[in-house]
C-alpha atoms as a PDB file:
ATOM      1  CA  MET A   1     112.321 -28.712 102.704  1.00  0.00           C
ATOM      2  CA  MET A   2     114.360 -26.111 104.606  1.00  0.00           C
ATOM      3  CA  LEU A   3     112.903 -23.336 102.427  1.00  0.00           C
ATOM      4  CA  LEU A   4     109.385 -24.502 103.269  1.00  0.00           C
ATOM      5  CA  PHE A   5     110.186 -24.474 106.986  1.00  0.00           C
ATOM      6  CA  ALA A   6     111.729 -21.000 106.640  1.00  0.00           C
ATOM      7  CA  PHE A   7     108.660 -19.662 104.814  1.00  0.00           C
ATOM      8  CA  LEU A   8     106.333 -21.174 107.417  1.00  0.00           C
ATOM      9  CA  ALA A   9     108.481 -19.716 110.197  1.00  0.00           C
ATOM     10  CA  VAL A  10     108.087 -16.226 108.695  1.00  0.00           C
ATOM     11  CA  ILE A  11     104.300 -16.597 108.396  1.00  0.00           C
ATOM     12  CA  VAL A  12     103.870 -18.054 111.889  1.00  0.00           C
ATOM     13  CA  GLY A  13     106.299 -15.519 113.346  1.00  0.00           C
ATOM     14  CA  LEU A  14     104.412 -12.577 111.855  1.00  0.00           C
ATOM     15  CA  SER A  15     101.116 -13.984 113.121  1.00  0.00           C
ATOM     16  CA  LEU A  16     102.481 -14.475 116.638  1.00  0.00           C
ATOM     17  CA  LEU A  17     103.958 -10.956 116.690  1.00  0.00           C
ATOM     18  CA  THR A  18     100.688  -9.344 115.623  1.00  0.00           C
ATOM     19  CA  TYR A  19      98.496 -11.389 117.964  1.00  0.00           C
ATOM     20  CA  GLY A  20     100.961 -11.115 120.836  1.00  0.00           C
ATOM     21  CA  ALA A  21     101.095  -7.317 120.576  1.00  0.00           C
ATOM     22  CA  ASP A  22      97.292  -7.163 120.537  1.00  0.00           C
ATOM     23  CA  ARG A  23      96.953  -9.406 123.614  1.00  0.00           C
ATOM     24  CA  LEU A  24      99.645  -7.528 125.521  1.00  0.00           C
ATOM     25  CA  ILE A  25      98.005  -4.169 124.780  1.00  0.00           C
ATOM     26  CA  ILE A  26      94.574  -5.395 125.901  1.00  0.00           C
ATOM     27  CA  GLY A  27      95.903  -6.942 129.119  1.00  0.00           C
ATOM     28  CA  ALA A  28      98.013  -3.899 129.968  1.00  0.00           C
ATOM     29  CA  CYS A  29      95.135  -1.499 129.273  1.00  0.00           C
ATOM     30  CA  VAL A  30      92.759  -3.440 131.529  1.00  0.00           C
ATOM     31  CA  LEU A  31      95.397  -3.483 134.269  1.00  0.00           C
ATOM     32  CA  ALA A  32      95.956   0.258 133.859  1.00  0.00           C
ATOM     33  CA  ARG A  33      92.202   0.896 134.052  1.00  0.00           C
ATOM     34  CA  ARG A  34      91.911  -1.089 137.290  1.00  0.00           C
ATOM     35  CA  ALA A  35      94.852   0.866 138.710  1.00  0.00           C
ATOM     36  CA  LYS A  36      92.960   4.109 137.948  1.00  0.00           C
ATOM     37  CA  VAL A  37      95.565   5.222 135.406  1.00  0.00           C
ATOM     38  CA  SER A  38      94.246   8.061 133.273  1.00  0.00           C
ATOM     39  CA  GLU A  39      93.164   7.756 129.647  1.00  0.00           C
ATOM     40  CA  ALA A  40      96.011  10.093 128.708  1.00  0.00           C
ATOM     41  CA  VAL A  41      98.653   7.804 130.185  1.00  0.00           C
ATOM     42  CA  VAL A  42      97.131   4.701 128.598  1.00  0.00           C
ATOM     43  CA  GLY A  43      96.835   6.326 125.183  1.00  0.00           C
ATOM     44  CA  ALA A  44     100.274   7.919 125.165  1.00  0.00           C
ATOM     45  CA  THR A  45     102.160   4.849 126.387  1.00  0.00           C
ATOM     46  CA  ILE A  46     100.491   1.447 126.076  1.00  0.00           C
ATOM     47  CA  VAL A  47      98.393   2.021 122.965  1.00  0.00           C
ATOM     48  CA  ALA A  48     100.646   4.506 121.165  1.00  0.00           C
ATOM     49  CA  GLY A  49     103.702   2.307 121.622  1.00  0.00           C
ATOM     50  CA  GLY A  50     101.928  -1.001 121.264  1.00  0.00           C
ATOM     51  CA  THR A  51     101.953  -1.064 117.476  1.00  0.00           C
ATOM     52  CA  SER A  52     105.760  -0.686 117.549  1.00  0.00           C
ATOM     53  CA  LEU A  53     106.260  -3.792 119.709  1.00  0.00           C
ATOM     54  CA  PRO A  54     106.724  -6.168 116.743  1.00  0.00           C
ATOM     55  CA  GLU A  55     109.449  -3.920 115.298  1.00  0.00           C
ATOM     56  CA  LEU A  56     111.135  -3.745 118.696  1.00  0.00           C
ATOM     57  CA  VAL A  57     111.114  -7.502 119.260  1.00  0.00           C
ATOM     58  CA  ALA A  58     112.189  -8.374 115.711  1.00  0.00           C
ATOM     59  CA  SER A  59     115.026  -5.825 115.809  1.00  0.00           C
ATOM     60  CA  LEU A  60     116.225  -6.990 119.226  1.00  0.00           C
ATOM     61  CA  VAL A  61     116.251 -10.641 118.163  1.00  0.00           C
ATOM     62  CA  SER A  62     118.088  -9.712 114.976  1.00  0.00           C
ATOM     63  CA  ALA A  63     120.727  -7.697 116.824  1.00  0.00           C
ATOM     64  CA  LEU A  64     121.288 -10.413 119.429  1.00  0.00           C
ATOM     65  CA  ASP A  65     121.740 -12.865 116.544  1.00  0.00           C
ATOM     66  CA  ASN A  66     124.273 -10.474 114.934  1.00  0.00           C
ATOM     67  CA  GLN A  67     121.907  -9.829 112.010  1.00  0.00           C
ATOM     68  CA  PHE A  68     122.374  -6.071 112.154  1.00  0.00           C
ATOM     69  CA  GLY A  69     121.333  -5.510 108.561  1.00  0.00           C
ATOM     70  CA  LEU A  70     117.989  -7.128 109.357  1.00  0.00           C
ATOM     71  CA  SER A  71     117.634  -5.058 112.527  1.00  0.00           C
ATOM     72  CA  VAL A  72     118.248  -1.625 110.982  1.00  0.00           C
ATOM     73  CA  GLY A  73     116.507  -2.614 107.736  1.00  0.00           C
ATOM     74  CA  ASN A  74     113.398  -3.527 109.729  1.00  0.00           C
ATOM     75  CA  VAL A  75     113.088  -0.020 111.194  1.00  0.00           C
ATOM     76  CA  VAL A  76     113.924   1.861 107.991  1.00  0.00           C
ATOM     77  CA  GLY A  77     111.685  -0.391 105.899  1.00  0.00           C
ATOM     78  CA  SER A  78     108.824  -0.145 108.398  1.00  0.00           C
ATOM     79  CA  ASN A  79     108.926   3.660 108.369  1.00  0.00           C
ATOM     80  CA  ILE A  80     108.834   3.678 104.561  1.00  0.00           C
ATOM     81  CA  PHE A  81     106.069   1.049 104.488  1.00  0.00           C
ATOM     82  CA  ASN A  82     103.998   2.927 107.094  1.00  0.00           C
ATOM     83  CA  ILE A  83     103.779   6.084 104.987  1.00  0.00           C
ATOM     84  CA  GLY A  84     103.771   4.680 101.461  1.00  0.00           C
ATOM     85  CA  ALA A  85     101.941   1.370 101.793  1.00  0.00           C
ATOM     86  CA  ILE A  86      99.621   2.161 104.731  1.00  0.00           C
ATOM     87  CA  LEU A  87      98.892   5.890 104.806  1.00  0.00           C
ATOM     88  CA  GLY A  88      98.710   5.978 100.994  1.00  0.00           C
ATOM     89  CA  PRO A  89      96.041   3.271 100.538  1.00  0.00           C
ATOM     90  CA  VAL A  90      94.069   4.470 103.582  1.00  0.00           C
ATOM     91  CA  ALA A  91      93.936   7.995 102.083  1.00  0.00           C
ATOM     92  CA  LEU A  92      92.773   6.444  98.806  1.00  0.00           C
ATOM     93  CA  ILE A  93      89.832   4.889 100.651  1.00  0.00           C
ATOM     94  CA  ALA A  94      88.834   8.221 102.209  1.00  0.00           C
ATOM     95  CA  PRO A  95      90.549  11.639 102.518  1.00  0.00           C
ATOM     96  CA  LEU A  96      92.286  11.919 105.899  1.00  0.00           C
ATOM     97  CA  VAL A  97      92.040  15.006 108.101  1.00  0.00           C
ATOM     98  CA  VAL A  98      95.314  15.828 109.872  1.00  0.00           C
ATOM     99  CA  ALA A  99      95.061  17.142 113.440  1.00  0.00           C
ATOM    100  CA  LYS A 100      96.749  20.506 114.022  1.00  0.00           C
ATOM    101  CA  MET A 101      98.875  19.029 116.818  1.00  0.00           C
ATOM    102  CA  ILE A 102     100.178  16.367 114.431  1.00  0.00           C
ATOM    103  CA  ALA A 103     101.128  18.942 111.790  1.00  0.00           C
ATOM    104  CA  ARG A 104     102.595  21.476 114.211  1.00  0.00           C
ATOM    105  CA  PHE A 105     104.387  19.171 116.664  1.00  0.00           C
ATOM    106  CA  ASP A 106     104.435  15.421 116.080  1.00  0.00           C
ATOM    107  CA  TRP A 107     105.438  15.639 112.420  1.00  0.00           C
ATOM    108  CA  TRP A 108     108.294  17.944 113.367  1.00  0.00           C
ATOM    109  CA  VAL A 109     109.497  15.483 115.998  1.00  0.00           C
ATOM    110  CA  MET A 110     109.423  12.675 113.440  1.00  0.00           C
ATOM    111  CA  ALA A 111     111.175  14.812 110.807  1.00  0.00           C
ATOM    112  CA  VAL A 112     113.934  15.992 113.160  1.00  0.00           C
ATOM    113  CA  ILE A 113     114.576  12.490 114.523  1.00  0.00           C
ATOM    114  CA  THR A 114     114.677  11.106 110.972  1.00  0.00           C
ATOM    115  CA  PHE A 115     117.093  13.846 109.888  1.00  0.00           C
ATOM    116  CA  ILE A 116     119.410  13.231 112.859  1.00  0.00           C
ATOM    117  CA  PHE A 117     119.362   9.488 112.198  1.00  0.00           C
ATOM    118  CA  CYS A 118     120.304   9.994 108.536  1.00  0.00           C
ATOM    119  CA  VAL A 119     123.077  12.512 109.286  1.00  0.00           C
ATOM    120  CA  ILE A 120     124.721  10.292 111.909  1.00  0.00           C
ATOM    121  CA  ALA A 121     124.391   7.266 109.627  1.00  0.00           C
ATOM    122  CA  VAL A 122     126.114   9.076 106.745  1.00  0.00           C
ATOM    123  CA  LEU A 123     128.858  10.586 108.894  1.00  0.00           C
ATOM    124  CA  PHE A 124     129.811   7.440 110.809  1.00  0.00           C
ATOM    125  CA  GLY A 125     128.319   4.506 108.877  1.00  0.00           C
ATOM    126  CA  SER A 126     127.017   3.026 112.117  1.00  0.00           C
ATOM    127  CA  LEU A 127     125.097   3.931 115.267  1.00  0.00           C
ATOM    128  CA  SER A 128     127.009   3.839 118.537  1.00  0.00           C
ATOM    129  CA  SER A 129     125.512   2.726 121.836  1.00  0.00           C
ATOM    130  CA  TRP A 130     125.876   6.289 123.104  1.00  0.00           C
ATOM    131  CA  PHE A 131     123.894   7.675 120.197  1.00  0.00           C
ATOM    132  CA  CYS A 132     121.193   5.019 120.559  1.00  0.00           C
ATOM    133  CA  GLY A 133     121.078   5.688 124.291  1.00  0.00           C
ATOM    134  CA  GLY A 134     120.438   9.345 123.480  1.00  0.00           C
ATOM    135  CA  PHE A 135     117.537   8.335 121.249  1.00  0.00           C
ATOM    136  CA  PHE A 136     116.096   6.210 124.048  1.00  0.00           C
ATOM    137  CA  ILE A 137     116.383   9.071 126.564  1.00  0.00           C
ATOM    138  CA  ALA A 138     114.713  11.385 124.041  1.00  0.00           C
ATOM    139  CA  TRP A 139     111.889   8.838 123.764  1.00  0.00           C
ATOM    140  CA  LEU A 140     111.444   8.873 127.558  1.00  0.00           C
ATOM    141  CA  PHE A 141     111.137  12.680 127.506  1.00  0.00           C
ATOM    142  CA  TYR A 142     108.655  12.435 124.620  1.00  0.00           C
ATOM    143  CA  ILE A 143     106.551   9.939 126.578  1.00  0.00           C
ATOM    144  CA  ALA A 144     106.725  12.073 129.731  1.00  0.00           C
ATOM    145  CA  TRP A 145     105.488  15.101 127.787  1.00  0.00           C
ATOM    146  CA  SER A 146     102.703  13.073 126.169  1.00  0.00           C
ATOM    147  CA  VAL A 147     101.516  11.771 129.530  1.00  0.00           C
ATOM    148  CA  ARG A 148     101.687  15.169 131.201  1.00  0.00           C
ATOM    149  CA  SER A 149      99.847  16.973 128.411  1.00  0.00           C
ATOM    150  CA  GLY A 150      97.363  14.190 127.720  1.00  0.00           C
ATOM    151  CA  HIS A 151      98.578  14.085 124.115  1.00  0.00           C
ATOM    152  CA  GLY A 152      98.072  10.622 122.640  1.00  0.00           C
ATOM    153  CA  ALA A 153      94.952   9.710 124.584  1.00  0.00           C
ATOM    154  CA  GLU A 154      92.854  10.324 121.486  1.00  0.00           C
ATOM    155  CA  GLU A 155      94.897   7.711 119.620  1.00  0.00           C
ATOM    156  CA  ALA A 156      93.591   4.837 121.719  1.00  0.00           C
ATOM    157  CA  THR A 157      91.454   3.077 119.138  1.00  0.00           C
ATOM    158  CA  LEU A 158      91.904  -0.573 120.053  1.00  0.00           C
ATOM    159  CA  GLU A 159      89.127  -2.385 121.843  1.00  0.00           C
ATOM    160  CA  ARG A 160      89.872  -2.707 125.561  1.00  0.00           C
ATOM    161  CA  PRO A 161      87.226  -4.720 127.462  1.00  0.00           C
ATOM    162  CA  GLU A 162      86.436  -3.116 130.800  1.00  0.00           C
ATOM    163  CA  SER A 163      84.890  -6.245 132.347  1.00  0.00           C
ATOM    164  CA  MET A 164      87.914  -8.515 131.974  1.00  0.00           C
ATOM    165  CA  ALA A 165      89.013 -10.099 135.255  1.00  0.00           C
ATOM    166  CA  LEU A 166      92.442  -9.162 136.603  1.00  0.00           C
ATOM    167  CA  PRO A 167      93.820 -12.739 136.484  1.00  0.00           C
ATOM    168  CA  LEU A 168      92.877 -12.952 132.797  1.00  0.00           C
ATOM    169  CA  ALA A 169      94.508  -9.552 132.147  1.00  0.00           C
ATOM    170  CA  PHE A 170      97.737 -10.777 133.782  1.00  0.00           C
ATOM    171  CA  LEU A 171      97.499 -13.953 131.717  1.00  0.00           C
ATOM    172  CA  TRP A 172      97.195 -11.957 128.488  1.00  0.00           C
ATOM    173  CA  ILE A 173     100.192  -9.829 129.452  1.00  0.00           C
ATOM    174  CA  VAL A 174     102.359 -12.889 130.090  1.00  0.00           C
ATOM    175  CA  ALA A 175     101.023 -14.655 126.995  1.00  0.00           C
ATOM    176  CA  GLY A 176     101.543 -11.531 124.884  1.00  0.00           C
ATOM    177  CA  ILE A 177     105.180 -11.247 125.941  1.00  0.00           C
ATOM    178  CA  ALA A 178     105.749 -14.957 125.245  1.00  0.00           C
ATOM    179  CA  LEU A 179     104.085 -14.702 121.824  1.00  0.00           C
ATOM    180  CA  LEU A 180     106.173 -11.652 120.946  1.00  0.00           C
ATOM    181  CA  ALA A 181     109.390 -13.409 121.943  1.00  0.00           C
ATOM    182  CA  GLY A 182     108.535 -16.608 120.077  1.00  0.00           C
ATOM    183  CA  GLY A 183     107.213 -14.782 117.043  1.00  0.00           C
ATOM    184  CA  GLY A 184     110.278 -12.566 116.837  1.00  0.00           C
ATOM    185  CA  TYR A 185     112.610 -15.557 116.954  1.00  0.00           C
ATOM    186  CA  LEU A 186     110.690 -17.470 114.265  1.00  0.00           C
ATOM    187  CA  LEU A 187     110.434 -14.412 112.010  1.00  0.00           C
ATOM    188  CA  VAL A 188     114.137 -13.637 112.150  1.00  0.00           C
ATOM    189  CA  TRP A 189     115.171 -17.278 111.780  1.00  0.00           C
ATOM    190  CA  GLY A 190     112.948 -17.783 108.747  1.00  0.00           C
ATOM    191  CA  ALA A 191     113.860 -14.448 107.135  1.00  0.00           C
ATOM    192  CA  VAL A 192     117.588 -15.113 107.446  1.00  0.00           C
ATOM    193  CA  ARG A 193     117.228 -18.592 105.911  1.00  0.00           C
ATOM    194  CA  LEU A 194     115.192 -17.191 103.010  1.00  0.00           C
ATOM    195  CA  ALA A 195     117.765 -14.464 102.419  1.00  0.00           C
ATOM    196  CA  GLN A 196     120.602 -16.979 102.374  1.00  0.00           C
ATOM    197  CA  ALA A 197     118.742 -19.301 100.023  1.00  0.00           C
ATOM    198  CA  ALA A 198     117.795 -16.471  97.643  1.00  0.00           C
ATOM    199  CA  GLY A 199     121.277 -15.000  97.705  1.00  0.00           C
ATOM    200  CA  VAL A 200     120.070 -11.585  98.849  1.00  0.00           C
ATOM    201  CA  SER A 201     121.264  -9.638 101.857  1.00  0.00           C
ATOM    202  CA  ASP A 202     119.540  -9.725 105.214  1.00  0.00           C
ATOM    203  CA  ALA A 203     119.096  -5.950 104.790  1.00  0.00           C
ATOM    204  CA  ILE A 204     116.799  -6.514 101.780  1.00  0.00           C
ATOM    205  CA  ILE A 205     114.748  -9.070 103.735  1.00  0.00           C
ATOM    206  CA  GLY A 206     114.530  -6.629 106.634  1.00  0.00           C
ATOM    207  CA  LEU A 207     113.395  -3.836 104.325  1.00  0.00           C
ATOM    208  CA  THR A 208     110.655  -5.938 102.726  1.00  0.00           C
ATOM    209  CA  ILE A 209     109.278  -9.074 104.412  1.00  0.00           C
ATOM    210  CA  VAL A 210     110.157  -8.202 108.010  1.00  0.00           C
ATOM    211  CA  ALA A 211     109.281  -4.511 107.632  1.00  0.00           C
ATOM    212  CA  ALA A 212     105.896  -5.217 106.057  1.00  0.00           C
ATOM    213  CA  GLY A 213     105.108  -7.965 108.546  1.00  0.00           C
ATOM    214  CA  THR A 214     105.929  -5.989 111.675  1.00  0.00           C
ATOM    215  CA  SER A 215     103.880  -3.057 110.329  1.00  0.00           C
ATOM    216  CA  MET A 216     100.665  -5.090 110.313  1.00  0.00           C
ATOM    217  CA  PRO A 217      99.455  -3.610 113.648  1.00  0.00           C
ATOM    218  CA  GLU A 218      99.812  -0.111 112.176  1.00  0.00           C
ATOM    219  CA  LEU A 219      97.883  -1.202 109.088  1.00  0.00           C
ATOM    220  CA  VAL A 220      95.046  -2.728 111.103  1.00  0.00           C
ATOM    221  CA  THR A 221      94.840   0.267 113.463  1.00  0.00           C
ATOM    222  CA  SER A 222      94.819   2.812 110.623  1.00  0.00           C
ATOM    223  CA  LEU A 223      92.211   0.922 108.598  1.00  0.00           C
ATOM    224  CA  LEU A 224      90.039   0.523 111.698  1.00  0.00           C
ATOM    225  CA  ALA A 225      90.324   4.244 112.494  1.00  0.00           C
ATOM    226  CA  ALA A 226      89.467   5.204 108.907  1.00  0.00           C
ATOM    227  CA  ARG A 227      86.492   2.845 108.869  1.00  0.00           C
ATOM    228  CA  ARG A 228      85.177   4.445 112.052  1.00  0.00           C
ATOM    229  CA  GLY A 229      85.646   7.912 110.572  1.00  0.00           C
ATOM    230  CA  GLN A 230      88.477   8.689 113.017  1.00  0.00           C
ATOM    231  CA  HIS A 231      90.700  10.000 110.222  1.00  0.00           C
ATOM    232  CA  GLN A 232      92.935  12.107 112.453  1.00  0.00           C
ATOM    233  CA  ILE A 233      93.867   8.994 114.403  1.00  0.00           C
ATOM    234  CA  ALA A 234      94.937   7.165 111.227  1.00  0.00           C
ATOM    235  CA  VAL A 235      97.547   9.847 110.500  1.00  0.00           C
ATOM    236  CA  ALA A 236      98.577  10.176 114.156  1.00  0.00           C
ATOM    237  CA  ASN A 237      99.105   6.419 114.354  1.00  0.00           C
ATOM    238  CA  ILE A 238     101.582   6.407 111.450  1.00  0.00           C
ATOM    239  CA  VAL A 239     103.492   9.538 112.465  1.00  0.00           C
ATOM    240  CA  GLY A 240     103.704   8.336 116.067  1.00  0.00           C
ATOM    241  CA  SER A 241     104.771   4.835 115.044  1.00  0.00           C
ATOM    242  CA  ASN A 242     107.593   6.151 112.853  1.00  0.00           C
ATOM    243  CA  THR A 243     108.841   8.306 115.718  1.00  0.00           C
ATOM    244  CA  PHE A 244     108.671   5.361 118.121  1.00  0.00           C
ATOM    245  CA  ASN A 245     110.491   3.090 115.682  1.00  0.00           C
ATOM    246  CA  LEU A 246     113.497   5.411 115.545  1.00  0.00           C
ATOM    247  CA  MET A 247     113.580   6.624 119.133  1.00  0.00           C
ATOM    248  CA  LEU A 248     112.503   3.451 120.937  1.00  0.00           C
ATOM    249  CA  VAL A 249     113.382   0.529 118.648  1.00  0.00           C
ATOM    250  CA  ILE A 250     116.744   1.879 117.460  1.00  0.00           C
ATOM    251  CA  GLY A 251     117.395   3.314 120.922  1.00  0.00           C
ATOM    252  CA  VAL A 252     116.872   0.041 122.763  1.00  0.00           C
ATOM    253  CA  THR A 253     118.421  -2.214 120.106  1.00  0.00           C
ATOM    254  CA  GLY A 254     121.593  -0.100 119.976  1.00  0.00           C
ATOM    255  CA  LEU A 255     122.118  -0.448 123.713  1.00  0.00           C
ATOM    256  CA  PHE A 256     123.265  -4.023 123.078  1.00  0.00           C
ATOM    257  CA  GLY A 257     126.099  -2.914 120.802  1.00  0.00           C
ATOM    258  CA  ARG A 258     127.055  -0.683 117.902  1.00  0.00           C
ATOM    259  CA  LEU A 259     124.657  -0.969 114.960  1.00  0.00           C
ATOM    260  CA  PRO A 260     126.483  -1.046 111.611  1.00  0.00           C
ATOM    261  CA  ILE A 261     124.408   0.150 108.663  1.00  0.00           C
ATOM    262  CA  ALA A 262     124.570  -1.786 105.406  1.00  0.00           C
ATOM    263  CA  GLU A 263     125.893   0.153 102.415  1.00  0.00           C
ATOM    264  CA  GLU A 264     122.671  -0.358 100.464  1.00  0.00           C
ATOM    265  CA  ILE A 265     120.610   1.102 103.298  1.00  0.00           C
ATOM    266  CA  LEU A 266     123.085   3.944 103.738  1.00  0.00           C
ATOM    267  CA  HIS A 267     123.089   4.951 100.081  1.00  0.00           C
ATOM    268  CA  ARG A 268     119.455   4.284  99.191  1.00  0.00           C
ATOM    269  CA  ASP A 269     116.871   3.456 101.819  1.00  0.00           C
ATOM    270  CA  ILE A 270     117.452   6.094 104.496  1.00  0.00           C
ATOM    271  CA  TRP A 271     116.916   8.766 101.835  1.00  0.00           C
ATOM    272  CA  TRP A 272     113.625   7.212 100.821  1.00  0.00           C
ATOM    273  CA  MET A 273     112.638   7.203 104.490  1.00  0.00           C
ATOM    274  CA  MET A 274     113.528  10.891 104.816  1.00  0.00           C
ATOM    275  CA  GLY A 275     111.860  11.716 101.503  1.00  0.00           C
ATOM    276  CA  PHE A 276     108.546  10.158 102.524  1.00  0.00           C
ATOM    277  CA  ALA A 277     108.676  11.953 105.893  1.00  0.00           C
ATOM    278  CA  LEU A 278     109.398  15.375 104.341  1.00  0.00           C
ATOM    279  CA  LEU A 279     106.770  14.902 101.622  1.00  0.00           C
ATOM    280  CA  LEU A 280     103.801  14.717 104.000  1.00  0.00           C
ATOM    281  CA  PRO A 281     103.333  18.473 104.747  1.00  0.00           C
ATOM    282  CA  PHE A 282     103.392  19.263 101.039  1.00  0.00           C
ATOM    283  CA  LEU A 283     100.657  16.697 100.473  1.00  0.00           C
ATOM    284  CA  TRP A 284      98.310  17.741 103.264  1.00  0.00           C
ATOM    285  CA  GLY A 285      98.980  21.460 102.637  1.00  0.00           C
ATOM    286  CA  ARG A 286      97.315  24.320 104.503  1.00  0.00           C
ATOM    287  CA  LYS A 287      93.975  22.536 104.580  1.00  0.00           C
ATOM    288  CA  LEU A 288      95.566  19.694 106.588  1.00  0.00           C
ATOM    289  CA  VAL A 289      93.885  17.019 104.479  1.00  0.00           C
ATOM    290  CA  LEU A 290      95.484  14.021 102.787  1.00  0.00           C
ATOM    291  CA  SER A 291      93.367  13.695  99.652  1.00  0.00           C
ATOM    292  CA  ARG A 292      92.913  10.633  97.462  1.00  0.00           C
ATOM    293  CA  LEU A 293      95.414  12.166  95.070  1.00  0.00           C
ATOM    294  CA  ALA A 294      97.927  12.448  97.901  1.00  0.00           C
ATOM    295  CA  GLY A 295      97.235   8.831  98.816  1.00  0.00           C
ATOM    296  CA  GLY A 296      97.863   7.800  95.222  1.00  0.00           C
ATOM    297  CA  ILE A 297     101.169   9.702  95.188  1.00  0.00           C
ATOM    298  CA  LEU A 298     102.308   7.991  98.397  1.00  0.00           C
ATOM    299  CA  LEU A 299     101.323   4.531  97.195  1.00  0.00           C
ATOM    300  CA  GLY A 300     102.858   5.153  93.762  1.00  0.00           C
ATOM    301  CA  GLY A 301     106.088   6.284  95.395  1.00  0.00           C
ATOM    302  CA  TYR A 302     106.219   3.121  97.477  1.00  0.00           C
ATOM    303  CA  LEU A 303     105.658   0.931  94.418  1.00  0.00           C
ATOM    304  CA  VAL A 304     108.566   2.668  92.669  1.00  0.00           C
ATOM    305  CA  TYR A 305     110.731   2.093  95.734  1.00  0.00           C
ATOM    306  CA  LEU A 306     109.672  -1.566  95.886  1.00  0.00           C
ATOM    307  CA  GLY A 307     110.547  -1.964  92.216  1.00  0.00           C
ATOM    308  CA  ILE A 308     114.036  -0.574  92.877  1.00  0.00           C
ATOM    309  CA  LEU A 309     114.469  -3.024  95.761  1.00  0.00           C
ATOM    310  CA  ILE A 310     113.393  -6.005  93.649  1.00  0.00           C
ATOM    311  CA  ARG A 311     115.680  -4.934  90.818  1.00  0.00           C
ATOM    312  CA  SER A 312     118.666  -4.665  93.143  1.00  0.00           C
ATOM    313  CA  ALA A 313     117.889  -8.032  94.696  1.00  0.00           C
ATOM    314  CA  VAL A 314     117.788  -9.974  91.401  1.00  0.00           C
ATOM    315  CA  ARG A 315     120.993  -8.558  89.996  1.00  0.00           C
END
């Protein structure tokens, strides 16, 4: 009976996280519009960071519950899932054009942040509060640059009703925050119980169930952008989300205490995360296009990685 409750908690938690993030984004965007905030600010902050809210909440809840393997595994697993299991299938549906700014700037930011994360993890085996604070400060500078330059405004693909009344917008903001908090608690509680019952580590659960679940907003946004023919946005969404996950989610979560990194993540998963990140420029090449072949390579790589995870979990 406990396993059933744990499974239901994971499903309900994921649903609340996804819906809560959507409601919070819509309410905040309407409020920003009424306050005469520019499209650039809205796109670079509320919308660009909105799809990373589930990862942030789930990681915070995990860390506060001393489930550090789940917390770090969520971020690492989400970044792998975003490229392999989202960008890959979306590119299979239709070739994706990569914006020059993404290739020349945003990808480099993601790659450098990923490299720094991996180096510090290997050298120290954990992430100190000082290091995470540095990531968070770097995120603030990144946001400030995005707002000032207007970069990120073109990524605002979610529907934001202009006619919504202010009281309803405030209600959605409050409801979104409550749904995120409740969903994060249920997801972590259920995932930990499932891990304990299955005899696998919380890191494995974080890398798979939690990572895939909290990446649902990225999946929906990328599929929606591809369906509308906004292919550049689909790539920008994934690259931006991966950067936010490391700089914002790890940055904020680590402020509550040192984040130890599980041995399995240290020796296996962070290298897959770096590998997927470094592979992208070779796949889109000089033409800056992710072809169907490239999408197949990314998806195939993720399936291999998933197979390795399953094999390690059943040993």
